[in-house]
C-alpha atoms as a PDB file:
ATOM      1  CA  MET A   1      43.406  83.523  12.617  1.00  0.00           C
ATOM      2  CA  LYS A   2      47.067  83.605  13.102  1.00  0.00           C
ATOM      3  CA  VAL A   3      49.473  81.578  10.999  1.00  0.00           C
ATOM      4  CA  HIS A   4      50.318  79.441  14.014  1.00  0.00           C
ATOM      5  CA  GLU A   5      46.642  78.539  14.536  1.00  0.00           C
ATOM      6  CA  HIS A   6      46.280  77.617  10.847  1.00  0.00           C
ATOM      7  CA  ARG A   7      49.250  75.261  11.056  1.00  0.00           C
ATOM      8  CA  ASN A   8      47.879  73.512  14.158  1.00  0.00           C
ATOM      9  CA  ARG A   9      44.466  73.135  12.548  1.00  0.00           C
ATOM     10  CA  ASP A  10      46.049  71.817   9.339  1.00  0.00           C
ATOM     11  CA  LYS A  11      48.145  69.350  11.329  1.00  0.00           C
ATOM     12  CA  ARG A  12      45.033  68.096  13.143  1.00  0.00           C
ATOM     13  CA  ILE A  13      43.129  67.693   9.885  1.00  0.00           C
ATOM     14  CA  PHE A  14      46.084  65.899   8.302  1.00  0.00           C
ATOM     15  CA  PHE A  15      46.354  63.599  11.327  1.00  0.00           C
ATOM     16  CA  LEU A  16      42.622  62.791  11.218  1.00  0.00           C
ATOM     17  CA  LEU A  17      42.833  62.044   7.496  1.00  0.00           C
ATOM     18  CA  GLN A  18      45.762  59.707   8.113  1.00  0.00           C
ATOM     19  CA  MET A  19      43.836  57.896  10.854  1.00  0.00           C
ATOM     20  CA  ALA A  20      40.777  57.568   8.621  1.00  0.00           C
ATOM     21  CA  LEU A  21      42.918  56.164   5.812  1.00  0.00           C
ATOM     22  CA  LEU A  22      44.560  53.741   8.228  1.00  0.00           C
ATOM     23  CA  LEU A  23      41.156  52.538   9.453  1.00  0.00           C
ATOM     24  CA  ILE A  24      39.956  52.043   5.880  1.00  0.00           C
ATOM     25  CA  CYS A  25      43.069  50.039   5.020  1.00  0.00           C
ATOM     26  CA  LEU A  26      42.768  47.880   8.132  1.00  0.00           C
ATOM     27  CA  SER A  27      39.062  47.230   7.611  1.00  0.00           C
ATOM     28  CA  SER A  28      39.590  46.268   3.961  1.00  0.00           C
ATOM     29  CA  LEU A  29      42.356  43.888   5.049  1.00  0.00           C
ATOM     30  CA  PHE A  30      39.914  42.309   7.503  1.00  0.00           C
ATOM     31  CA  LEU A  31      37.253  41.960   4.792  1.00  0.00           C
ATOM     32  CA  VAL A  32      39.671  40.266   2.403  1.00  0.00           C
ATOM     33  CA  THR A  33      40.714  37.851   5.158  1.00  0.00           C
ATOM     34  CA  GLU A  34      37.052  37.110   5.956  1.00  0.00           C
ATOM     35  CA  GLY A  35      36.316  36.383   2.299  1.00  0.00           C
ATOM     36  CA  LYS A  36      39.156  33.905   2.071  1.00  0.00           C
ATOM     37  CA  ALA A  37      38.050  32.119   5.221  1.00  0.00           C
ATOM     38  CA  GLY A  38      34.543  31.606   3.863  1.00  0.00           C
ATOM     39  CA  SER A  39      35.599  30.541   0.375  1.00  0.00           C
ATOM     40  CA  GLY A  40      35.619  26.858   1.355  1.00  0.00           C
ATOM     41  CA  ASN A  41      31.836  26.933   1.121  1.00  0.00           C
ATOM     42  CA  SER A  42      31.734  28.639  -2.244  1.00  0.00           C
ATOM     43  CA  GLN A  43      31.237  25.398  -4.185  1.00  0.00           C
ATOM     44  CA  ALA A  44      28.305  24.446  -1.942  1.00  0.00           C
ATOM     45  CA  ASP A  45      26.902  27.984  -2.225  1.00  0.00           C
ATOM     46  CA  ARG A  46      27.157  27.921  -6.019  1.00  0.00           C
ATOM     47  CA  ALA A  47      25.389  24.564  -6.149  1.00  0.00           C
ATOM     48  CA  SER A  48      22.655  25.901  -3.872  1.00  0.00           C
ATOM     49  CA  ASN A  49      22.252  29.048  -5.991  1.00  0.00           C
ATOM     50  CA  ARG A  50      21.990  26.947  -9.170  1.00  0.00           C
ATOM     51  CA  LYS A  51      19.342  24.766  -7.554  1.00  0.00           C
ATOM     52  CA  ARG A  52      17.483  27.876  -6.363  1.00  0.00           C
ATOM     53  CA  GLY A  53      17.520  29.312  -9.901  1.00  0.00           C
ATOM     54  CA  THR A  54      16.269  26.032 -11.340  1.00  0.00           C
ATOM     55  CA  CYS A  55      13.428  25.931  -8.816  1.00  0.00           C
ATOM     56  CA  GLU A  56      12.465  29.553  -9.526  1.00  0.00           C
ATOM     57  CA  ASN A  57      12.280  28.806 -13.252  1.00  0.00           C
ATOM     58  CA  THR A  58      10.485  25.451 -13.070  1.00  0.00           C
ATOM     59  CA  GLU A  59       8.402  24.355 -10.075  1.00  0.00           C
ATOM     60  CA  CYS A  60       7.809  27.859  -8.750  1.00  0.00           C
ATOM     61  CA  GLU A  61       7.695  29.894 -11.957  1.00  0.00           C
ATOM     62  CA  HIS A  62       3.920  30.386 -11.646  1.00  0.00           C
ATOM     63  CA  LEU A  63       4.433  32.432  -8.447  1.00  0.00           C
ATOM     64  CA  HIS A  64       5.442  36.082  -8.181  1.00  0.00           C
ATOM     65  CA  PHE A  65       9.000  36.435  -6.835  1.00  0.00           C
ATOM     66  CA  LEU A  66       7.679  38.024  -3.617  1.00  0.00           C
ATOM     67  CA  GLU A  67       5.403  35.033  -3.081  1.00  0.00           C
ATOM     68  CA  ASN A  68       7.656  32.138  -4.047  1.00  0.00           C
ATOM     69  CA  THR A  69       9.993  31.866  -1.042  1.00  0.00           C
ATOM     70  CA  ASN A  70       8.306  28.836   0.551  1.00  0.00           C
ATOM     71  CA  CYS A  71       7.971  27.069  -2.794  1.00  0.00           C
ATOM     72  CA  VAL A  72      11.619  27.683  -3.738  1.00  0.00           C
ATOM     73  CA  ASN A  73      12.931  26.649  -0.319  1.00  0.00           C
ATOM     74  CA  LYS A  74      10.881  23.414  -0.411  1.00  0.00           C
ATOM     75  CA  CYS A  75      12.208  22.721  -3.897  1.00  0.00           C
ATOM     76  CA  VAL A  76      15.843  23.401  -2.931  1.00  0.00           C
ATOM     77  CA  SER A  77      15.739  21.009   0.036  1.00  0.00           C
ATOM     78  CA  ARG A  78      12.578  19.527   1.494  1.00  0.00           C
ATOM     79  CA  LYS A  79      14.548  18.118   4.450  1.00  0.00           C
ATOM     80  CA  CYS A  80      16.097  21.470   5.375  1.00  0.00           C
ATOM     81  CA  TYR A  81      12.789  23.226   4.782  1.00  0.00           C
ATOM     82  CA  ASP A  82      11.027  20.861   7.189  1.00  0.00           C
ATOM     83  CA  ASP A  83      13.838  21.143   9.756  1.00  0.00           C
ATOM     84  CA  VAL A  84      13.898  24.952   9.720  1.00  0.00           C
ATOM     85  CA  TYR A  85      10.431  26.179   8.728  1.00  0.00           C
ATOM     86  CA  LYS A  86       8.098  23.437  10.001  1.00  0.00           C
ATOM     87  CA  GLY A  87       5.288  25.300  11.770  1.00  0.00           C
ATOM     88  CA  LYS A  88       6.944  28.673  11.024  1.00  0.00           C
ATOM     89  CA  GLU A  89       6.212  29.140   7.317  1.00  0.00           C
ATOM     90  CA  LEU A  90       6.919  32.610   6.049  1.00  0.00           C
ATOM     91  CA  GLU A  91       4.029  34.717   4.833  1.00  0.00           C
ATOM     92  CA  ASP A  92       4.239  36.088   1.292  1.00  0.00           C
ATOM     93  CA  GLY A  93       6.901  38.798   1.223  1.00  0.00           C
ATOM     94  CA  GLU A  94       7.994  38.129   4.828  1.00  0.00           C
ATOM     95  CA  ILE A  95      11.709  38.160   5.584  1.00  0.00           C
ATOM     96  CA  ASN A  96      13.183  36.339   8.577  1.00  0.00           C
ATOM     97  CA  THR A  97      16.957  36.558   8.342  1.00  0.00           C
ATOM     98  CA  GLY A  98      17.499  34.191  11.268  1.00  0.00           C
ATOM     99  CA  LEU A  99      15.504  31.383   9.664  1.00  0.00           C
ATOM    100  CA  GLU A 100      17.004  32.157   6.255  1.00  0.00           C
ATOM    101  CA  ARG A 101      20.489  31.808   7.712  1.00  0.00           C
ATOM    102  CA  LEU A 102      19.591  28.474   9.342  1.00  0.00           C
ATOM    103  CA  PHE A 103      18.118  27.228   6.069  1.00  0.00           C
ATOM    104  CA  LYS A 104      21.133  28.333   4.051  1.00  0.00           C
ATOM    105  CA  ASN A 105      23.524  26.662   6.508  1.00  0.00           C
ATOM    106  CA  CYS A 106      21.468  23.462   6.400  1.00  0.00           C
ATOM    107  CA  VAL A 107      21.498  23.419   2.590  1.00  0.00           C
ATOM    108  CA  ARG A 108      25.234  24.132   2.560  1.00  0.00           C
ATOM    109  CA  SER A 109      25.909  21.269   4.982  1.00  0.00           C
ATOM    110  CA  GLU A 110      23.669  18.970   2.981  1.00  0.00           C
ATOM    111  CA  SER A 111      25.494  19.877  -0.221  1.00  0.00           C
ATOM    112  CA  ILE A 112      28.901  19.261   1.370  1.00  0.00           C
ATOM    113  CA  ARG A 113      27.723  15.877   2.750  1.00  0.00           C
ATOM    114  CA  ASN A 114      26.369  14.886  -0.650  1.00  0.00           C
ATOM    115  CA  ARG A 115      29.598  15.930  -2.359  1.00  0.00           C
ATOM    116  CA  ARG A 116      31.643  13.807   0.081  1.00  0.00           C
ATOM    117  CA  THR A 117      29.471  10.722  -0.383  1.00  0.00           C
ATOM    118  CA  THR A 118      29.630  10.909  -4.175  1.00  0.00           C
ATOM    119  CA  LYS A 119      33.438  11.032  -4.246  1.00  0.00           C
END
């Protein structure tokens, strides 16, 4: 290769590295912004996670962690469980992210409503 070809190749590589770095910086900025937007629910999420942990260690402790999803969800919120899973109970070890998301959102909303009524 000639010196001129090396320089052009080096310039292209340098340019691609700059673009990759720029994309990484922009995507991390987006992720930080997303995290801040969702932080309003963090108190409700923490309360839900505490309740989930309590249920796992009390009412559902006799079940293996791969088999306790229905028990834990019922314990966390019977109302949300009935609203989301009624007639669609998960089998042991089954994962349904759509239903899980609906359940989590229901529990979060319930927690926020409860927090507002107790103030």
